[in-house]
Amino acid sequence: MDHHIYHLAPAARWRDWPGDQPYVPAEYDADGFIHCTAGDALMIAVANRFYRATPGDFVLLVIDPERLAAPLKWESSGDDLAPLFPHIYGPIDRAAVLEVRAVRRAADGEFIDW
């Protein structure tokens, strides 16, 4: 069974982040954790609900939770998309990122696949 989790990141932020440092999204200080999800269908639904109107390129980070130094908690988001979402309480270790996938979007901003 696939136990990987996903994090959607702006491509420029990921690309420009220092390669020798764990990754931290811009929203981390405000949220106190890093939003993630599990499963392709759920990730598409989340991306289209929350980021469809956000312009620009995105990448999908495929993360192995067992390689994270920061705590991972499955918590309710209060959203109807899923009962629980994985939240990382600290930076994403580079060794935990197994793959970085380019995200395809339609002209209207809809997320299609990766």
PDB file of N, CA and C in Angstrom:
ATOM      1  N   MET A   1       0.844  -1.194   0.000  1.00  0.00           N
ATOM      2  CA  MET A   1       0.000   0.000   0.000  1.00  0.00           C
ATOM      3  C   MET A   1       0.882   1.248   0.000  1.00  0.00           C
ATOM      4  N   ASP A   2       0.483   2.223  -0.782  1.00  0.00           N
ATOM      5  CA  ASP A   2       1.219   3.474  -0.889  1.00  0.00           C
ATOM      6  C   ASP A   2       0.974   4.303   0.366  1.00  0.00           C
ATOM      7  N   HIS A   3       2.016   4.618   1.072  1.00  0.00           N
ATOM      8  CA  HIS A   3       1.882   5.401   2.300  1.00  0.00           C
ATOM      9  C   HIS A   3       2.431   6.813   2.137  1.00  0.00           C
ATOM     10  N   HIS A   4       2.690   7.202   0.929  1.00  0.00           N
ATOM     11  CA  HIS A   4       3.236   8.533   0.689  1.00  0.00           C
ATOM     12  C   HIS A   4       2.164   9.605   0.871  1.00  0.00           C
ATOM     13  N   ILE A   5       2.624  10.801   1.205  1.00  0.00           N
ATOM     14  CA  ILE A   5       1.736  11.946   1.289  1.00  0.00           C
ATOM     15  C   ILE A   5       2.223  12.996   0.295  1.00  0.00           C
ATOM     16  N   TYR A   6       1.361  13.959  -0.010  1.00  0.00           N
ATOM     17  CA  TYR A   6       1.661  14.975  -1.002  1.00  0.00           C
ATOM     18  C   TYR A   6       1.596  16.377  -0.397  1.00  0.00           C
ATOM     19  N   HIS A   7       2.446  17.238  -0.938  1.00  0.00           N
ATOM     20  CA  HIS A   7       2.359  18.663  -0.632  1.00  0.00           C
ATOM     21  C   HIS A   7       2.442  19.421  -1.949  1.00  0.00           C
ATOM     22  N   LEU A   8       1.505  20.341  -2.163  1.00  0.00           N
ATOM     23  CA  LEU A   8       1.471  21.169  -3.360  1.00  0.00           C
ATOM     24  C   LEU A   8       2.231  22.454  -3.068  1.00  0.00           C
ATOM     25  N   ALA A   9       3.237  22.755  -3.887  1.00  0.00           N
ATOM     26  CA  ALA A   9       4.080  23.927  -3.640  1.00  0.00           C
ATOM     27  C   ALA A   9       4.189  24.777  -4.898  1.00  0.00           C
ATOM     28  N   PRO A  10       4.225  26.101  -4.738  1.00  0.00           N
ATOM     29  CA  PRO A  10       4.513  26.948  -5.901  1.00  0.00           C
ATOM     30  C   PRO A  10       5.881  26.566  -6.476  1.00  0.00           C
ATOM     31  N   ALA A  11       5.931  26.347  -7.768  1.00  0.00           N
ATOM     32  CA  ALA A  11       7.156  25.859  -8.406  1.00  0.00           C
ATOM     33  C   ALA A  11       8.342  26.790  -8.160  1.00  0.00           C
ATOM     34  N   ALA A  12       8.114  28.109  -8.230  1.00  0.00           N
ATOM     35  CA  ALA A  12       9.217  29.061  -8.040  1.00  0.00           C
ATOM     36  C   ALA A  12       9.764  29.000  -6.621  1.00  0.00           C
ATOM     37  N   ARG A  13       8.895  28.871  -5.631  1.00  0.00           N
ATOM     38  CA  ARG A  13       9.370  28.801  -4.240  1.00  0.00           C
ATOM     39  C   ARG A  13      10.204  27.538  -4.032  1.00  0.00           C
ATOM     40  N   TRP A  14       9.720  26.404  -4.532  1.00  0.00           N
ATOM     41  CA  TRP A  14      10.474  25.159  -4.415  1.00  0.00           C
ATOM     42  C   TRP A  14      11.815  25.268  -5.131  1.00  0.00           C
ATOM     43  N   ARG A  15      11.789  25.777  -6.353  1.00  0.00           N
ATOM     44  CA  ARG A  15      13.004  25.893  -7.161  1.00  0.00           C
ATOM     45  C   ARG A  15      14.025  26.818  -6.507  1.00  0.00           C
ATOM     46  N   ASP A  16      13.560  27.924  -5.928  1.00  0.00           N
ATOM     47  CA  ASP A  16      14.456  28.926  -5.365  1.00  0.00           C
ATOM     48  C   ASP A  16      14.879  28.644  -3.923  1.00  0.00           C
ATOM     49  N   TRP A  17      14.244  27.673  -3.278  1.00  0.00           N
ATOM     50  CA  TRP A  17      14.592  27.347  -1.896  1.00  0.00           C
ATOM     51  C   TRP A  17      15.987  26.722  -1.871  1.00  0.00           C
ATOM     52  N   PRO A  18      16.826  27.116  -0.918  1.00  0.00           N
ATOM     53  CA  PRO A  18      18.188  26.551  -0.865  1.00  0.00           C
ATOM     54  C   PRO A  18      18.162  25.019  -0.769  1.00  0.00           C
ATOM     55  N   GLY A  19      18.883  24.369  -1.682  1.00  0.00           N
ATOM     56  CA  GLY A  19      18.882  22.916  -1.770  1.00  0.00           C
ATOM     57  C   GLY A  19      19.456  22.197  -0.565  1.00  0.00           C
ATOM     58  N   ASP A  20      20.199  22.910   0.271  1.00  0.00           N
ATOM     59  CA  ASP A  20      20.796  22.281   1.446  1.00  0.00           C
ATOM     60  C   ASP A  20      19.962  22.512   2.707  1.00  0.00           C
ATOM     61  N   GLN A  21      18.752  23.053   2.541  1.00  0.00           N
ATOM     62  CA  GLN A  21      17.891  23.332   3.687  1.00  0.00           C
ATOM     63  C   GLN A  21      16.551  22.627   3.549  1.00  0.00           C
ATOM     64  N   PRO A  22      15.953  22.181   4.669  1.00  0.00           N
ATOM     65  CA  PRO A  22      14.590  21.630   4.608  1.00  0.00           C
ATOM     66  C   PRO A  22      13.625  22.693   4.097  1.00  0.00           C
ATOM     67  N   TYR A  23      12.600  22.254   3.387  1.00  0.00           N
ATOM     68  CA  TYR A  23      11.643  23.174   2.763  1.00  0.00           C
ATOM     69  C   TYR A  23      10.564  23.611   3.750  1.00  0.00           C
ATOM     70  N   VAL A  24      10.228  24.903   3.679  1.00  0.00           N
ATOM     71  CA  VAL A  24       9.154  25.471   4.491  1.00  0.00           C
ATOM     72  C   VAL A  24       8.268  26.335   3.591  1.00  0.00           C
ATOM     73  N   PRO A  25       6.971  26.045   3.512  1.00  0.00           N
ATOM     74  CA  PRO A  25       6.071  26.867   2.707  1.00  0.00           C
ATOM     75  C   PRO A  25       5.889  28.267   3.309  1.00  0.00           C
ATOM     76  N   ALA A  26       5.455  29.199   2.493  1.00  0.00           N
ATOM     77  CA  ALA A  26       5.233  30.580   2.935  1.00  0.00           C
ATOM     78  C   ALA A  26       4.177  30.654   4.040  1.00  0.00           C
ATOM     79  N   GLU A  27       3.216  29.755   4.034  1.00  0.00           N
ATOM     80  CA  GLU A  27       2.105  29.791   4.988  1.00  0.00           C
ATOM     81  C   GLU A  27       2.441  29.180   6.341  1.00  0.00           C
ATOM     82  N   TYR A  28       3.630  28.617   6.474  1.00  0.00           N
ATOM     83  CA  TYR A  28       3.967  27.868   7.690  1.00  0.00           C
ATOM     84  C   TYR A  28       3.847  28.705   8.962  1.00  0.00           C
ATOM     85  N   ASP A  29       4.395  29.902   8.967  1.00  0.00           N
ATOM     86  CA  ASP A  29       4.348  30.725  10.180  1.00  0.00           C
ATOM     87  C   ASP A  29       2.914  31.035  10.598  1.00  0.00           C
ATOM     88  N   ALA A  30       2.057  31.312   9.636  1.00  0.00           N
ATOM     89  CA  ALA A  30       0.661  31.626   9.948  1.00  0.00           C
ATOM     90  C   ALA A  30      -0.120  30.389  10.386  1.00  0.00           C
ATOM     91  N   ASP A  31       0.138  29.242   9.746  1.00  0.00           N
ATOM     92  CA  ASP A  31      -0.628  28.026  10.020  1.00  0.00           C
ATOM     93  C   ASP A  31      -0.052  27.194  11.162  1.00  0.00           C
ATOM     94  N   GLY A  32       1.264  27.221  11.329  1.00  0.00           N
ATOM     95  CA  GLY A  32       1.905  26.422  12.368  1.00  0.00           C
ATOM     96  C   GLY A  32       2.183  24.989  11.966  1.00  0.00           C
ATOM     97  N   PHE A  33       1.850  24.643  10.737  1.00  0.00           N
ATOM     98  CA  PHE A  33       2.117  23.303  10.207  1.00  0.00           C
ATOM     99  C   PHE A  33       2.068  23.373   8.690  1.00  0.00           C
ATOM    100  N   ILE A  34       2.476  22.279   8.042  1.00  0.00           N
ATOM    101  CA  ILE A  34       2.458  22.190   6.580  1.00  0.00           C
ATOM    102  C   ILE A  34       1.295  21.302   6.160  1.00  0.00           C
ATOM    103  N   HIS A  35       0.434  21.853   5.321  1.00  0.00           N
ATOM    104  CA  HIS A  35      -0.722  21.112   4.811  1.00  0.00           C
ATOM    105  C   HIS A  35      -0.268  20.056   3.807  1.00  0.00           C
ATOM    106  N   CYS A  36      -0.771  18.843   3.969  1.00  0.00           N
ATOM    107  CA  CYS A  36      -0.509  17.759   3.019  1.00  0.00           C
ATOM    108  C   CYS A  36      -1.806  16.999   2.794  1.00  0.00           C
ATOM    109  N   THR A  37      -1.743  16.047   1.887  1.00  0.00           N
ATOM    110  CA  THR A  37      -2.868  15.167   1.648  1.00  0.00           C
ATOM    111  C   THR A  37      -2.328  13.831   1.165  1.00  0.00           C
ATOM    112  N   ALA A  38      -3.228  12.888   0.977  1.00  0.00           N
ATOM    113  CA  ALA A  38      -2.835  11.556   0.506  1.00  0.00           C
ATOM    114  C   ALA A  38      -3.788  11.142  -0.607  1.00  0.00           C
ATOM    115  N   GLY A  39      -3.239  10.590  -1.679  1.00  0.00           N
ATOM    116  CA  GLY A  39      -4.062  10.112  -2.783  1.00  0.00           C
ATOM    117  C   GLY A  39      -4.238  11.139  -3.876  1.00  0.00           C
ATOM    118  N   ASP A  40      -4.131  10.673  -5.124  1.00  0.00           N
ATOM    119  CA  ASP A  40      -4.219  11.563  -6.277  1.00  0.00           C
ATOM    120  C   ASP A  40      -5.565  12.269  -6.386  1.00  0.00           C
ATOM    121  N   ALA A  41      -6.662  11.531  -6.252  1.00  0.00           N
ATOM    122  CA  ALA A  41      -7.988  12.128  -6.423  1.00  0.00           C
ATOM    123  C   ALA A  41      -8.240  13.209  -5.380  1.00  0.00           C
ATOM    124  N   LEU A  42      -7.863  12.949  -4.146  1.00  0.00           N
ATOM    125  CA  LEU A  42      -8.058  13.941  -3.093  1.00  0.00           C
ATOM    126  C   LEU A  42      -7.162  15.153  -3.317  1.00  0.00           C
ATOM    127  N   MET A  43      -5.931  14.925  -3.775  1.00  0.00           N
ATOM    128  CA  MET A  43      -5.025  16.043  -4.024  1.00  0.00           C
ATOM    129  C   MET A  43      -5.569  16.949  -5.120  1.00  0.00           C
ATOM    130  N   ILE A  44      -6.113  16.370  -6.176  1.00  0.00           N
ATOM    131  CA  ILE A  44      -6.725  17.160  -7.259  1.00  0.00           C
ATOM    132  C   ILE A  44      -7.890  17.981  -6.707  1.00  0.00           C
ATOM    133  N   ALA A  45      -8.736  17.355  -5.892  1.00  0.00           N
ATOM    134  CA  ALA A  45      -9.891  18.057  -5.324  1.00  0.00           C
ATOM    135  C   ALA A  45      -9.448  19.221  -4.444  1.00  0.00           C
ATOM    136  N   VAL A  46      -8.442  18.999  -3.608  1.00  0.00           N
ATOM    137  CA  VAL A  46      -7.927  20.047  -2.730  1.00  0.00           C
ATOM    138  C   VAL A  46      -7.315  21.177  -3.559  1.00  0.00           C
ATOM    139  N   ALA A  47      -6.497  20.823  -4.536  1.00  0.00           N
ATOM    140  CA  ALA A  47      -5.848  21.833  -5.379  1.00  0.00           C
ATOM    141  C   ALA A  47      -6.887  22.709  -6.075  1.00  0.00           C
ATOM    142  N   ASN A  48      -7.926  22.084  -6.619  1.00  0.00           N
ATOM    143  CA  ASN A  48      -8.930  22.852  -7.340  1.00  0.00           C
ATOM    144  C   ASN A  48      -9.816  23.681  -6.411  1.00  0.00           C
ATOM    145  N   ARG A  49     -10.047  23.214  -5.197  1.00  0.00           N
ATOM    146  CA  ARG A  49     -10.867  23.987  -4.268  1.00  0.00           C
ATOM    147  C   ARG A  49     -10.116  25.212  -3.738  1.00  0.00           C
ATOM    148  N   PHE A  50      -8.843  25.040  -3.404  1.00  0.00           N
ATOM    149  CA  PHE A  50      -8.120  26.098  -2.704  1.00  0.00           C
ATOM    150  C   PHE A  50      -7.142  26.900  -3.563  1.00  0.00           C
ATOM    151  N   TYR A  51      -6.688  26.345  -4.688  1.00  0.00           N
ATOM    152  CA  TYR A  51      -5.623  27.013  -5.456  1.00  0.00           C
ATOM    153  C   TYR A  51      -5.954  27.266  -6.922  1.00  0.00           C
ATOM    154  N   ARG A  52      -7.144  26.943  -7.344  1.00  0.00           N
ATOM    155  CA  ARG A  52      -7.497  27.104  -8.760  1.00  0.00           C
ATOM    156  C   ARG A  52      -7.332  28.549  -9.225  1.00  0.00           C
ATOM    157  N   ALA A  53      -7.682  29.507  -8.388  1.00  0.00           N
ATOM    158  CA  ALA A  53      -7.593  30.919  -8.760  1.00  0.00           C
ATOM    159  C   ALA A  53      -6.193  31.496  -8.556  1.00  0.00           C
ATOM    160  N   THR A  54      -5.282  30.713  -8.007  1.00  0.00           N
ATOM    161  CA  THR A  54      -3.911  31.172  -7.782  1.00  0.00           C
ATOM    162  C   THR A  54      -3.101  30.939  -9.051  1.00  0.00           C
ATOM    163  N   PRO A  55      -2.607  32.005  -9.662  1.00  0.00           N
ATOM    164  CA  PRO A  55      -1.856  31.825 -10.906  1.00  0.00           C
ATOM    165  C   PRO A  55      -0.466  31.228 -10.649  1.00  0.00           C
ATOM    166  N   GLY A  56       0.113  30.727 -11.713  1.00  0.00           N
ATOM    167  CA  GLY A  56       1.484  30.239 -11.632  1.00  0.00           C
ATOM    168  C   GLY A  56       1.591  28.731 -11.673  1.00  0.00           C
ATOM    169  N   ASP A  57       2.845  28.299 -11.781  1.00  0.00           N
ATOM    170  CA  ASP A  57       3.137  26.872 -11.841  1.00  0.00           C
ATOM    171  C   ASP A  57       3.294  26.307 -10.438  1.00  0.00           C
ATOM    172  N   PHE A  58       2.898  25.055 -10.301  1.00  0.00           N
ATOM    173  CA  PHE A  58       3.025  24.342  -9.041  1.00  0.00           C
ATOM    174  C   PHE A  58       3.771  23.036  -9.271  1.00  0.00           C
ATOM    175  N   VAL A  59       4.328  22.509  -8.188  1.00  0.00           N
ATOM    176  CA  VAL A  59       4.903  21.173  -8.200  1.00  0.00           C
ATOM    177  C   VAL A  59       4.259  20.376  -7.079  1.00  0.00           C
ATOM    178  N   LEU A  60       4.252  19.079  -7.255  1.00  0.00           N
ATOM    179  CA  LEU A  60       3.737  18.175  -6.234  1.00  0.00           C
ATOM    180  C   LEU A  60       4.924  17.455  -5.602  1.00  0.00           C
ATOM    181  N   LEU A  61       5.093  17.638  -4.301  1.00  0.00           N
ATOM    182  CA  LEU A  61       6.147  16.931  -3.579  1.00  0.00           C
ATOM    183  C   LEU A  61       5.578  15.616  -3.072  1.00  0.00           C
ATOM    184  N   VAL A  62       6.209  14.519  -3.456  1.00  0.00           N
ATOM    185  CA  VAL A  62       5.829  13.193  -2.978  1.00  0.00           C
ATOM    186  C   VAL A  62       6.731  12.902  -1.779  1.00  0.00           C
ATOM    187  N   ILE A  63       6.124  12.738  -0.619  1.00  0.00           N
ATOM    188  CA  ILE A  63       6.866  12.670   0.642  1.00  0.00           C
ATOM    189  C   ILE A  63       6.712  11.308   1.302  1.00  0.00           C
ATOM    190  N   ASP A  64       7.830  10.781   1.795  1.00  0.00           N
ATOM    191  CA  ASP A  64       7.811   9.559   2.607  1.00  0.00           C
ATOM    192  C   ASP A  64       7.748   9.990   4.071  1.00  0.00           C
ATOM    193  N   PRO A  65       6.612   9.788   4.744  1.00  0.00           N
ATOM    194  CA  PRO A  65       6.471  10.248   6.120  1.00  0.00           C
ATOM    195  C   PRO A  65       7.508   9.666   7.077  1.00  0.00           C
ATOM    196  N   GLU A  66       7.994   8.481   6.770  1.00  0.00           N
ATOM    197  CA  GLU A  66       8.979   7.837   7.652  1.00  0.00           C
ATOM    198  C   GLU A  66      10.332   8.535   7.619  1.00  0.00           C
ATOM    199  N   ARG A  67      10.569   9.359   6.617  1.00  0.00           N
ATOM    200  CA  ARG A  67      11.839  10.081   6.499  1.00  0.00           C
ATOM    201  C   ARG A  67      11.777  11.501   7.058  1.00  0.00           C
ATOM    202  N   LEU A  68      10.627  11.889   7.585  1.00  0.00           N
ATOM    203  CA  LEU A  68      10.485  13.228   8.162  1.00  0.00           C
ATOM    204  C   LEU A  68      11.056  13.260   9.575  1.00  0.00           C
ATOM    205  N   ALA A  69      11.788  14.314   9.902  1.00  0.00           N
ATOM    206  CA  ALA A  69      12.242  14.519  11.280  1.00  0.00           C
ATOM    207  C   ALA A  69      11.135  15.180  12.093  1.00  0.00           C
ATOM    208  N   ALA A  70      10.325  16.015  11.450  1.00  0.00           N
ATOM    209  CA  ALA A  70       9.240  16.725  12.132  1.00  0.00           C
ATOM    210  C   ALA A  70       8.066  15.781  12.368  1.00  0.00           C
ATOM    211  N   PRO A  71       7.299  16.037  13.418  1.00  0.00           N
ATOM    212  CA  PRO A  71       6.118  15.209  13.689  1.00  0.00           C
ATOM    213  C   PRO A  71       5.062  15.338  12.595  1.00  0.00           C
ATOM    214  N   LEU A  72       4.411  14.226  12.290  1.00  0.00           N
ATOM    215  CA  LEU A  72       3.309  14.181  11.343  1.00  0.00           C
ATOM    216  C   LEU A  72       2.064  13.767  12.117  1.00  0.00           C
ATOM    217  N   LYS A  73       1.000  14.554  11.981  1.00  0.00           N
ATOM    218  CA  LYS A  73      -0.262  14.243  12.660  1.00  0.00           C
ATOM    219  C   LYS A  73      -1.387  14.230  11.637  1.00  0.00           C
ATOM    220  N   TRP A  74      -2.264  13.243  11.754  1.00  0.00           N
ATOM    221  CA  TRP A  74      -3.456  13.178  10.908  1.00  0.00           C
ATOM    222  C   TRP A  74      -4.566  13.861  11.690  1.00  0.00           C
ATOM    223  N   GLU A  75      -5.056  14.980  11.130  1.00  0.00           N
ATOM    224  CA  GLU A  75      -6.004  15.797  11.869  1.00  0.00           C
ATOM    225  C   GLU A  75      -7.186  16.198  11.000  1.00  0.00           C
ATOM    226  N   SER A  76      -8.290  16.488  11.677  1.00  0.00           N
ATOM    227  CA  SER A  76      -9.471  16.979  10.987  1.00  0.00           C
ATOM    228  C   SER A  76      -9.227  18.405  10.519  1.00  0.00           C
ATOM    229  N   SER A  77      -9.695  18.688   9.322  1.00  0.00           N
ATOM    230  CA  SER A  77      -9.578  20.041   8.802  1.00  0.00           C
ATOM    231  C   SER A  77     -10.904  20.779   8.913  1.00  0.00           C
ATOM    232  N   GLY A  78     -11.941  20.065   9.293  1.00  0.00           N
ATOM    233  CA  GLY A  78     -13.258  20.665   9.315  1.00  0.00           C
ATOM    234  C   GLY A  78     -13.834  20.826   7.920  1.00  0.00           C
ATOM    235  N   ASP A  79     -13.173  20.210   6.940  1.00  0.00           N
ATOM    236  CA  ASP A  79     -13.577  20.308   5.545  1.00  0.00           C
ATOM    237  C   ASP A  79     -14.296  19.021   5.148  1.00  0.00           C
ATOM    238  N   ASP A  80     -15.145  19.108   4.141  1.00  0.00           N
ATOM    239  CA  ASP A  80     -15.893  17.923   3.705  1.00  0.00           C
ATOM    240  C   ASP A  80     -15.135  17.059   2.698  1.00  0.00           C
ATOM    241  N   LEU A  81     -13.918  17.443   2.324  1.00  0.00           N
ATOM    242  CA  LEU A  81     -13.163  16.663   1.334  1.00  0.00           C
ATOM    243  C   LEU A  81     -12.665  15.330   1.896  1.00  0.00           C
ATOM    244  N   ALA A  82     -12.270  15.331   3.151  1.00  0.00           N
ATOM    245  CA  ALA A  82     -11.762  14.113   3.789  1.00  0.00           C
ATOM    246  C   ALA A  82     -11.886  14.281   5.302  1.00  0.00           C
ATOM    247  N   PRO A  83     -12.025  13.168   6.028  1.00  0.00           N
ATOM    248  CA  PRO A  83     -12.131  13.301   7.482  1.00  0.00           C
ATOM    249  C   PRO A  83     -10.823  13.738   8.151  1.00  0.00           C
ATOM    250  N   LEU A  84      -9.695  13.287   7.602  1.00  0.00           N
ATOM    251  CA  LEU A  84      -8.395  13.607   8.192  1.00  0.00           C
ATOM    252  C   LEU A  84      -7.387  13.976   7.104  1.00  0.00           C
ATOM    253  N   PHE A  85      -6.526  14.911   7.437  1.00  0.00           N
ATOM    254  CA  PHE A  85      -5.440  15.303   6.540  1.00  0.00           C
ATOM    255  C   PHE A  85      -4.118  15.212   7.299  1.00  0.00           C
ATOM    256  N   PRO A  86      -3.031  14.843   6.604  1.00  0.00           N
ATOM    257  CA  PRO A  86      -1.719  14.834   7.259  1.00  0.00           C
ATOM    258  C   PRO A  86      -1.143  16.247   7.355  1.00  0.00           C
ATOM    259  N   HIS A  87      -0.702  16.597   8.544  1.00  0.00           N
ATOM    260  CA  HIS A  87      -0.079  17.897   8.797  1.00  0.00           C
ATOM    261  C   HIS A  87       1.319  17.664   9.351  1.00  0.00           C
ATOM    262  N   ILE A  88       2.308  18.345   8.783  1.00  0.00           N
ATOM    263  CA  ILE A  88       3.696  18.219   9.229  1.00  0.00           C
ATOM    264  C   ILE A  88       4.014  19.410  10.118  1.00  0.00           C
ATOM    265  N   TYR A  89       4.431  19.133  11.348  1.00  0.00           N
ATOM    266  CA  TYR A  89       4.737  20.186  12.317  1.00  0.00           C
ATOM    267  C   TYR A  89       6.230  20.480  12.344  1.00  0.00           C
ATOM    268  N   GLY A  90       6.710  21.000  11.229  1.00  0.00           N
ATOM    269  CA  GLY A  90       8.104  21.352  11.059  1.00  0.00           C
ATOM    270  C   GLY A  90       8.421  21.336   9.580  1.00  0.00           C
ATOM    271  N   PRO A  91       9.668  21.598   9.221  1.00  0.00           N
ATOM    272  CA  PRO A  91      10.046  21.638   7.805  1.00  0.00           C
ATOM    273  C   PRO A  91      10.043  20.248   7.165  1.00  0.00           C
ATOM    274  N   ILE A  92       9.995  20.257   5.842  1.00  0.00           N
ATOM    275  CA  ILE A  92      10.059  19.007   5.067  1.00  0.00           C
ATOM    276  C   ILE A  92      11.522  18.717   4.758  1.00  0.00           C
ATOM    277  N   ASP A  93      12.047  17.643   5.321  1.00  0.00           N
ATOM    278  CA  ASP A  93      13.428  17.232   5.057  1.00  0.00           C
ATOM    279  C   ASP A  93      13.585  16.860   3.592  1.00  0.00           C
ATOM    280  N   ARG A  94      14.677  17.281   2.989  1.00  0.00           N
ATOM    281  CA  ARG A  94      14.930  16.954   1.575  1.00  0.00           C
ATOM    282  C   ARG A  94      14.969  15.443   1.348  1.00  0.00           C
ATOM    283  N   ALA A  95      15.485  14.698   2.316  1.00  0.00           N
ATOM    284  CA  ALA A  95      15.566  13.237   2.175  1.00  0.00           C
ATOM    285  C   ALA A  95      14.184  12.587   2.163  1.00  0.00           C
ATOM    286  N   ALA A  96      13.173  13.301   2.661  1.00  0.00           N
ATOM    287  CA  ALA A  96      11.809  12.761   2.683  1.00  0.00           C
ATOM    288  C   ALA A  96      11.086  12.973   1.358  1.00  0.00           C
ATOM    289  N   VAL A  97      11.606  13.870   0.513  1.00  0.00           N
ATOM    290  CA  VAL A  97      10.981  14.147  -0.783  1.00  0.00           C
ATOM    291  C   VAL A  97      11.486  13.122  -1.788  1.00  0.00           C
ATOM    292  N   LEU A  98      10.615  12.186  -2.122  1.00  0.00           N
ATOM    293  CA  LEU A  98      10.981  11.100  -3.025  1.00  0.00           C
ATOM    294  C   LEU A  98      10.926  11.503  -4.489  1.00  0.00           C
ATOM    295  N   GLU A  99      10.028  12.446  -4.782  1.00  0.00           N
ATOM    296  CA  GLU A  99       9.816  12.839  -6.177  1.00  0.00           C
ATOM    297  C   GLU A  99       9.209  14.235  -6.204  1.00  0.00           C
ATOM    298  N   VAL A 100       9.548  14.990  -7.220  1.00  0.00           N
ATOM    299  CA  VAL A 100       8.948  16.299  -7.459  1.00  0.00           C
ATOM    300  C   VAL A 100       8.290  16.223  -8.833  1.00  0.00           C
ATOM    301  N   ARG A 101       6.982  16.318  -8.847  1.00  0.00           N
ATOM    302  CA  ARG A 101       6.226  16.189 -10.098  1.00  0.00           C
ATOM    303  C   ARG A 101       5.737  17.547 -10.583  1.00  0.00           C
ATOM    304  N   ALA A 102       5.886  17.801 -11.864  1.00  0.00           N
ATOM    305  CA  ALA A 102       5.306  19.000 -12.462  1.00  0.00           C
ATOM    306  C   ALA A 102       3.789  18.834 -12.500  1.00  0.00           C
ATOM    307  N   VAL A 103       3.075  19.907 -12.254  1.00  0.00           N
ATOM    308  CA  VAL A 103       1.620  19.892 -12.234  1.00  0.00           C
ATOM    309  C   VAL A 103       1.093  20.485 -13.530  1.00  0.00           C
ATOM    310  N   ARG A 104       0.138  19.787 -14.137  1.00  0.00           N
ATOM    311  CA  ARG A 104      -0.501  20.299 -15.354  1.00  0.00           C
ATOM    312  C   ARG A 104      -1.801  20.985 -14.979  1.00  0.00           C
ATOM    313  N   ARG A 105      -2.003  22.186 -15.595  1.00  0.00           N
ATOM    314  CA  ARG A 105      -3.222  22.943 -15.348  1.00  0.00           C
ATOM    315  C   ARG A 105      -3.857  23.339 -16.674  1.00  0.00           C
ATOM    316  N   ALA A 106      -5.179  23.479 -16.656  1.00  0.00           N
ATOM    317  CA  ALA A 106      -5.905  23.965 -17.819  1.00  0.00           C
ATOM    318  C   ALA A 106      -5.777  25.485 -17.895  1.00  0.00           C
ATOM    319  N   ALA A 107      -6.189  26.056 -19.012  1.00  0.00           N
ATOM    320  CA  ALA A 107      -6.099  27.502 -19.220  1.00  0.00           C
ATOM    321  C   ALA A 107      -6.891  28.281 -18.168  1.00  0.00           C
ATOM    322  N   ASP A 108      -7.961  27.675 -17.649  1.00  0.00           N
ATOM    323  CA  ASP A 108      -8.777  28.367 -16.644  1.00  0.00           C
ATOM    324  C   ASP A 108      -8.259  28.166 -15.221  1.00  0.00           C
ATOM    325  N   GLY A 109      -7.094  27.519 -15.068  1.00  0.00           N
ATOM    326  CA  GLY A 109      -6.499  27.322 -13.741  1.00  0.00           C
ATOM    327  C   GLY A 109      -6.800  25.968 -13.129  1.00  0.00           C
ATOM    328  N   GLU A 110      -7.683  25.189 -13.735  1.00  0.00           N
ATOM    329  CA  GLU A 110      -8.024  23.882 -13.180  1.00  0.00           C
ATOM    330  C   GLU A 110      -6.783  22.991 -13.136  1.00  0.00           C
ATOM    331  N   PHE A 111      -6.598  22.332 -12.009  1.00  0.00           N
ATOM    332  CA  PHE A 111      -5.524  21.349 -11.876  1.00  0.00           C
ATOM    333  C   PHE A 111      -5.982  20.056 -12.536  1.00  0.00           C
ATOM    334  N   ILE A 112      -5.133  19.496 -13.398  1.00  0.00           N
ATOM    335  CA  ILE A 112      -5.508  18.320 -14.176  1.00  0.00           C
ATOM    336  C   ILE A 112      -4.829  17.061 -13.662  1.00  0.00           C
ATOM    337  N   ASP A 113      -3.492  17.096 -13.600  1.00  0.00           N
ATOM    338  CA  ASP A 113      -2.744  15.933 -13.113  1.00  0.00           C
ATOM    339  C   ASP A 113      -1.294  16.293 -12.898  1.00  0.00           C
ATOM    340  N   TRP A 114      -0.514  15.275 -12.532  1.00  0.00           N
ATOM    341  CA  TRP A 114       0.931  15.438 -12.323  1.00  0.00           C
ATOM    342  C   TRP A 114       1.646  14.200 -12.738  1.00  0.00           C
TER     343      TRP A 114
END
